[in-house]
Amino acid sequence: MDAVLMAVEAQPERDLIIDLAAQSSQALGRWLDGTDVFALLDELGARVQWWHVMDDGADSVALLQTLLKRLSDQPVSVVVVQNLGRGESFERFRQSETCRQAKARGAQLIELPRLHAKLTQKIDFNDSSFWAVANDRRLMNIAERQRMKVWLRQAYRELDAVVALGVEPAPNTGEA
């Protein structure tokens, strides 16, 4: 993870996206605490936007709760992605105290649409990118490619909403 900080220092004008598995949250937390990363990034003039991609399970909500506590006094904007590709309903999350805390913190909630189940599995087993699925005739048939294009349009609309709002970091309140 130290390489992340080195990359920010070397090219502060570039966006840096880090994709981590949920299982990495404890190790990441130790690294954040031990390095005081947010203070360092603030010193470097970096703007931090944390995306929490979740399924509809209790673990995702618990991980978000832990994250909100960790970020309570940090100048970090938060985007919560409700991934319908990995869940049926986010109603329990939307009614939770964790959701209320996220909204109070200024987190933006978006929803990734559901993707046809067989297509999702085919993408996974082919180790394909979404772009390849939408465009490569060798990978998918015409209906599958079209489903992927429709899904991508819907997903990009959700992502564009985050960009359009220009989500700003939450003020340092010291509260979760």
Foldseek 3Di string as FASTA:
>chain_A
DVVVVVVCLVCVPDDDDDDDDPVCLVVVLVVCVVVVVLVSCVVSVHAAEAEQEDEQDPVSLVSLQVVCLSCQQGQYEYEYEYECCRYPDNVVVCPDPSVVSNVVQVYHYFYQDHADPVLVVLCVVVVHDLVCQLPPCVRDPPVRNVSSVVSVVVRVVRVVVCVVVVGGGGHRPSGD
